[in-house]
Amino acid sequence: MSRRSAPFVAPSHIDGNDDPTSTAGKKYAKALLSTLQEDIANFRNEQFPPDILRQVRDMPIYEGNLAEVQTYQQQWNSLLERANTFYPAANLPPEYLPLPASLEIPQFIYHVQRLHLTKTHAKESKSFGSVGALTDKCGHYTDDEIARMTAVLDNDDEARLVAHREFIDLRAYVFCRDTKGEMLEPERVRFYRTGLIVHALPDFKIVDSRQTPRKRRNDAYNNPLADNGVWKIYRKK
């Protein structure tokens, strides 16, 4: 139902870059990706939100008929092609993994019959091998908390720390029909960062359940080593 993003693959044989695994090749790929991200940001400033589509509620979701959505996607095609150079598995069978949300390219979904908008309790997670790297990302902790985290790493060379930040996540359950008109299993999409563009079928419906966040799942981590009010720190299992 939900999808992780497609994996990054350093492009090879571009402008003489024959070895993407070398130090020079990795640096070159990083520079190309950075340029792509800048171009996407500039294009979004000019072309998002789309003026030819209709906004769904107060969300960064826009719907239109087939011709309208295809026209808007064509405006993104050159950037999509460049992104696929770095993420060649994106939107291909059997898993149809999306591009990473960090690129901020809108997600295009066709043959949509219904959208179910929800809020849910979610958790961001980061892993660290040093207390210094952790505090750089997660902020200040007391001396006692620093001592507890340091002891975990000092007593086990293979130990790592994991930081969790809870937040309320917005998601859309997208119900589509196949070529035979049969309703498919819903796809759960995180859309707030990228935006979501849907080709709406006749009798397109929206169910808005954002007023009642979904119940928090049980957490495998308890009794944090440290807690600064934003990030809770645990020994990674």
Protein backbone atom coordinates (compact mmCIF):
# COMPACT_ATOMS: atom_id res chain seq x y z
CA MET A 1 0.00 0.00 0.00
CA SER A 2 2.79 2.46 0.86
CA ARG A 3 5.97 2.95 -1.13
CA ARG A 4 9.56 3.67 -0.30
CA SER A 5 11.46 5.73 -2.86
CA ALA A 6 13.61 4.47 -5.70
CA PRO A 7 17.32 3.99 -4.86
CA PHE A 8 20.02 6.38 -6.06
CA VAL A 9 22.37 5.11 -8.78
CA ALA A 10 25.34 7.25 -9.82
CA PRO A 11 25.11 7.76 -13.59
CA SER A 12 27.99 6.52 -15.75
CA HIS A 13 29.26 7.41 -19.24
CA ILE A 14 28.07 11.02 -18.98
CA ASP A 15 30.51 13.59 -20.33
CA GLY A 16 33.39 11.14 -20.02
CA ASN A 17 32.56 9.95 -16.49
CA ASP A 18 33.33 6.23 -16.97
CA ASP A 19 33.68 5.16 -13.33
CA PRO A 20 30.84 6.33 -11.05
CA THR A 21 32.36 4.43 -8.11
CA SER A 22 35.61 6.43 -8.10
CA THR A 23 36.07 9.47 -5.88
CA ALA A 24 35.96 11.74 -8.92
CA GLY A 25 32.90 9.92 -10.27
CA LYS A 26 30.99 10.28 -7.00
CA LYS A 27 31.88 13.96 -6.79
CA TYR A 28 30.75 14.47 -10.36
CA ALA A 29 27.43 12.68 -9.74
CA LYS A 30 26.83 14.78 -6.61
CA ALA A 31 27.44 17.98 -8.58
CA LEU A 32 25.01 16.86 -11.30
CA LEU A 33 22.35 16.02 -8.73
CA SER A 34 22.82 19.37 -7.00
CA THR A 35 22.34 21.16 -10.32
CA LEU A 36 19.18 19.17 -10.96
CA GLN A 37 17.79 20.10 -7.54
CA GLU A 38 18.46 23.78 -8.22
CA ASP A 39 16.71 23.56 -11.60
CA ILE A 40 13.72 21.83 -10.01
CA ALA A 41 13.46 24.53 -7.32
CA ASN A 42 13.56 27.27 -9.96
CA PHE A 43 10.95 25.52 -12.09
CA ARG A 44 8.64 25.01 -9.09
CA ASN A 45 8.83 28.73 -8.34
CA GLU A 46 7.49 29.41 -11.83
CA GLN A 47 5.13 26.48 -12.51
CA PHE A 48 3.81 25.23 -9.17
CA PRO A 49 1.01 25.33 -8.24
CA PRO A 50 -0.33 24.61 -11.73
CA ASP A 51 -2.73 27.22 -13.06
CA ILE A 52 -4.55 24.77 -15.37
CA LEU A 53 -5.64 22.41 -12.55
CA ARG A 54 -8.03 22.71 -9.61
CA GLN A 55 -6.85 22.58 -5.99
CA VAL A 56 -8.25 19.91 -3.67
CA ARG A 57 -9.35 21.46 -0.38
CA ASP A 58 -6.46 23.46 1.13
CA MET A 59 -3.91 20.78 0.20
CA PRO A 60 -1.04 20.81 -2.33
CA ILE A 61 -3.16 18.43 -4.40
CA TYR A 62 -4.45 19.40 -7.83
CA GLU A 63 -6.92 17.54 -10.03
CA GLY A 64 -7.88 17.73 -13.66
CA ASN A 65 -9.07 15.67 -16.60
CA LEU A 66 -6.72 13.48 -18.62
CA ALA A 67 -5.70 16.16 -21.13
CA GLU A 68 -5.04 18.76 -18.43
CA VAL A 69 -2.88 16.46 -16.32
CA GLN A 70 -0.93 15.23 -19.33
CA THR A 71 -0.31 18.81 -20.45
CA TYR A 72 1.04 19.75 -17.04
CA GLN A 73 3.20 16.62 -16.79
CA GLN A 74 4.75 17.44 -20.17
CA GLN A 75 6.06 20.67 -18.63
CA TRP A 76 7.96 18.54 -16.10
CA ASN A 77 9.19 15.91 -18.57
CA SER A 78 12.74 17.20 -19.07
CA LEU A 79 13.30 17.35 -15.31
CA LEU A 80 11.70 13.94 -14.85
CA GLU A 81 14.03 12.46 -17.46
CA ARG A 82 17.06 13.94 -15.71
CA ALA A 83 15.84 12.64 -12.35
CA ASN A 84 15.41 9.15 -13.78
CA THR A 85 19.11 9.19 -14.68
CA PHE A 86 19.86 9.12 -10.94
CA TYR A 87 16.88 6.94 -9.96
CA PRO A 88 16.43 4.51 -12.89
CA ALA A 89 14.02 2.24 -10.95
CA ALA A 90 11.51 5.05 -10.42
CA ASN A 91 7.95 4.20 -11.43
CA LEU A 92 8.92 0.93 -13.12
CA PRO A 93 7.48 -2.54 -12.49
CA PRO A 94 7.30 -4.55 -10.38
CA GLU A 95 7.38 -2.09 -7.46
CA TYR A 96 6.69 1.29 -9.12
CA LEU A 97 8.79 3.14 -6.54
CA PRO A 98 8.46 6.95 -6.61
CA LEU A 99 11.24 9.49 -6.91
CA PRO A 100 12.57 10.71 -3.53
CA ALA A 101 10.48 13.45 -1.94
CA SER A 102 13.68 15.47 -1.47
CA LEU A 103 13.65 16.27 -5.21
CA GLU A 104 10.24 17.96 -4.77
CA ILE A 105 8.95 16.80 -8.14
CA PRO A 106 5.14 16.46 -8.04
CA GLN A 107 3.71 12.96 -8.06
CA PHE A 108 1.41 12.25 -11.01
CA ILE A 109 -1.29 9.60 -10.61
CA TYR A 110 -3.83 8.71 -13.29
CA HIS A 111 -7.31 7.14 -13.29
CA VAL A 112 -8.12 8.29 -9.76
CA GLN A 113 -11.64 7.60 -8.51
CA ARG A 114 -11.34 8.63 -4.88
CA LEU A 115 -8.99 10.42 -2.48
CA HIS A 116 -9.07 9.79 1.25
CA LEU A 117 -7.18 12.52 3.11
CA THR A 118 -5.85 11.58 6.56
CA LYS A 119 -3.63 12.73 9.37
CA THR A 120 -1.57 10.13 11.19
CA HIS A 121 0.97 9.99 13.98
CA ALA A 122 4.37 9.46 12.37
CA LYS A 123 8.01 9.31 13.41
CA GLU A 124 11.19 10.61 11.78
CA SER A 125 14.25 8.49 12.53
CA LYS A 126 18.00 9.20 12.31
CA SER A 127 20.90 6.90 13.20
CA PHE A 128 24.27 8.02 14.62
CA GLY A 129 27.62 6.50 15.47
CA SER A 130 28.85 9.42 17.60
CA VAL A 131 27.38 11.76 20.17
CA GLY A 132 28.91 14.77 18.41
CA ALA A 133 27.16 14.01 15.13
CA LEU A 134 23.91 13.44 17.01
CA THR A 135 23.98 16.78 18.87
CA ASP A 136 24.87 18.59 15.63
CA LYS A 137 21.62 17.32 14.09
CA CYS A 138 19.32 17.02 17.11
CA GLY A 139 20.35 19.86 19.42
CA HIS A 140 21.24 20.31 23.09
CA TYR A 141 21.09 17.64 25.81
CA THR A 142 22.01 17.72 29.49
CA ASP A 143 25.39 16.56 30.77
CA ASP A 144 23.81 13.44 32.28
CA GLU A 145 22.16 12.57 28.95
CA ILE A 146 25.42 13.11 27.08
CA ALA A 147 27.16 10.81 29.56
CA ARG A 148 24.56 8.05 29.08
CA MET A 149 24.78 8.22 25.29
CA THR A 150 28.59 8.27 25.38
CA ALA A 151 28.66 5.22 27.66
CA VAL A 152 26.55 3.21 25.21
CA LEU A 153 29.00 3.86 22.37
CA ASP A 154 32.15 3.46 24.50
CA ASN A 155 31.07 0.06 25.82
CA ASP A 156 30.24 -1.51 22.45
CA ASP A 157 32.08 -0.78 19.21
CA GLU A 158 29.07 -1.93 17.17
CA ALA A 159 26.47 0.10 19.07
CA ARG A 160 24.64 2.99 17.43
CA LEU A 161 22.22 5.61 18.65
CA VAL A 162 18.85 6.27 17.03
CA ALA A 163 16.92 9.54 17.31
CA HIS A 164 13.13 9.66 16.94
CA ARG A 165 11.00 12.76 16.37
CA GLU A 166 7.23 12.38 16.47
CA PHE A 167 5.01 14.50 14.24
CA ILE A 168 1.59 14.51 12.60
CA ASP A 169 1.88 13.40 8.98
CA LEU A 170 -0.55 14.18 6.18
CA ARG A 171 -1.26 11.36 3.75
CA ALA A 172 -3.65 10.55 0.95
CA TYR A 173 -5.07 7.14 0.20
CA VAL A 174 -5.47 7.12 -3.58
CA PHE A 175 -8.04 4.77 -5.12
CA CYS A 176 -7.55 4.15 -8.86
CA ARG A 177 -9.25 2.03 -11.50
CA ASP A 178 -7.41 -0.28 -13.90
CA THR A 179 -7.94 -0.46 -17.66
CA LYS A 180 -10.96 -2.74 -17.09
CA GLY A 181 -12.56 -0.27 -14.72
CA GLU A 182 -11.91 -2.41 -11.65
CA MET A 183 -11.03 -0.58 -8.43
CA LEU A 184 -7.45 -1.23 -7.32
CA GLU A 185 -6.10 -1.48 -3.79
CA PRO A 186 -5.51 2.03 -2.40
CA GLU A 187 -2.05 3.53 -2.56
CA ARG A 188 -0.87 5.51 0.48
CA VAL A 189 0.99 8.64 -0.65
CA ARG A 190 2.93 11.24 1.29
CA PHE A 191 2.37 14.34 -0.77
CA TYR A 192 2.90 17.46 1.32
CA ARG A 193 6.48 18.10 0.24
CA THR A 194 6.16 17.18 -3.43
CA GLY A 195 2.58 17.96 -4.29
CA LEU A 196 0.16 15.49 -5.86
CA ILE A 197 -1.36 15.75 -9.34
CA VAL A 198 -4.32 13.46 -10.04
CA HIS A 199 -6.23 12.64 -13.18
CA ALA A 200 -9.80 12.60 -11.81
CA LEU A 201 -12.30 10.15 -13.27
CA PRO A 202 -16.01 11.02 -13.58
CA ASP A 203 -17.72 10.99 -10.14
CA PHE A 204 -14.35 11.67 -8.50
CA LYS A 205 -14.84 11.84 -4.71
CA ILE A 206 -12.88 13.22 -1.78
CA VAL A 207 -13.10 11.86 1.75
CA ASP A 208 -11.54 14.20 4.31
CA SER A 209 -10.66 12.56 7.65
CA ARG A 210 -8.02 15.03 8.79
CA GLN A 211 -9.99 16.05 11.87
CA THR A 212 -9.43 12.64 13.49
CA PRO A 213 -5.75 11.53 13.30
CA ARG A 214 -5.22 7.79 12.97
CA LYS A 215 -4.20 5.96 16.13
CA ARG A 216 -0.49 5.84 16.96
CA ARG A 217 1.10 2.41 16.46
CA ASN A 218 2.95 0.72 19.31
CA ASP A 219 6.59 1.80 19.45
CA ALA A 220 9.33 -0.82 19.83
CA TYR A 221 11.52 1.75 21.63
CA ASN A 222 10.91 2.73 25.25
CA ASN A 223 12.78 4.50 28.05
CA PRO A 224 14.92 6.97 26.05
CA LEU A 225 18.52 7.67 26.99
CA ALA A 226 17.86 11.35 26.32
CA ASP A 227 14.96 13.64 25.40
CA ASN A 228 15.24 17.35 24.57
CA GLY A 229 11.55 17.78 23.85
CA VAL A 230 11.96 17.24 20.10
CA TRP A 231 14.26 14.24 19.61
CA LYS A 232 14.21 11.16 21.84
CA ILE A 233 17.41 9.11 21.79
CA TYR A 234 17.65 5.34 22.15
CA ARG A 235 20.21 2.61 21.71
CA LYS A 236 19.53 1.22 18.27
CA LYS A 237 18.12 -2.31 18.25
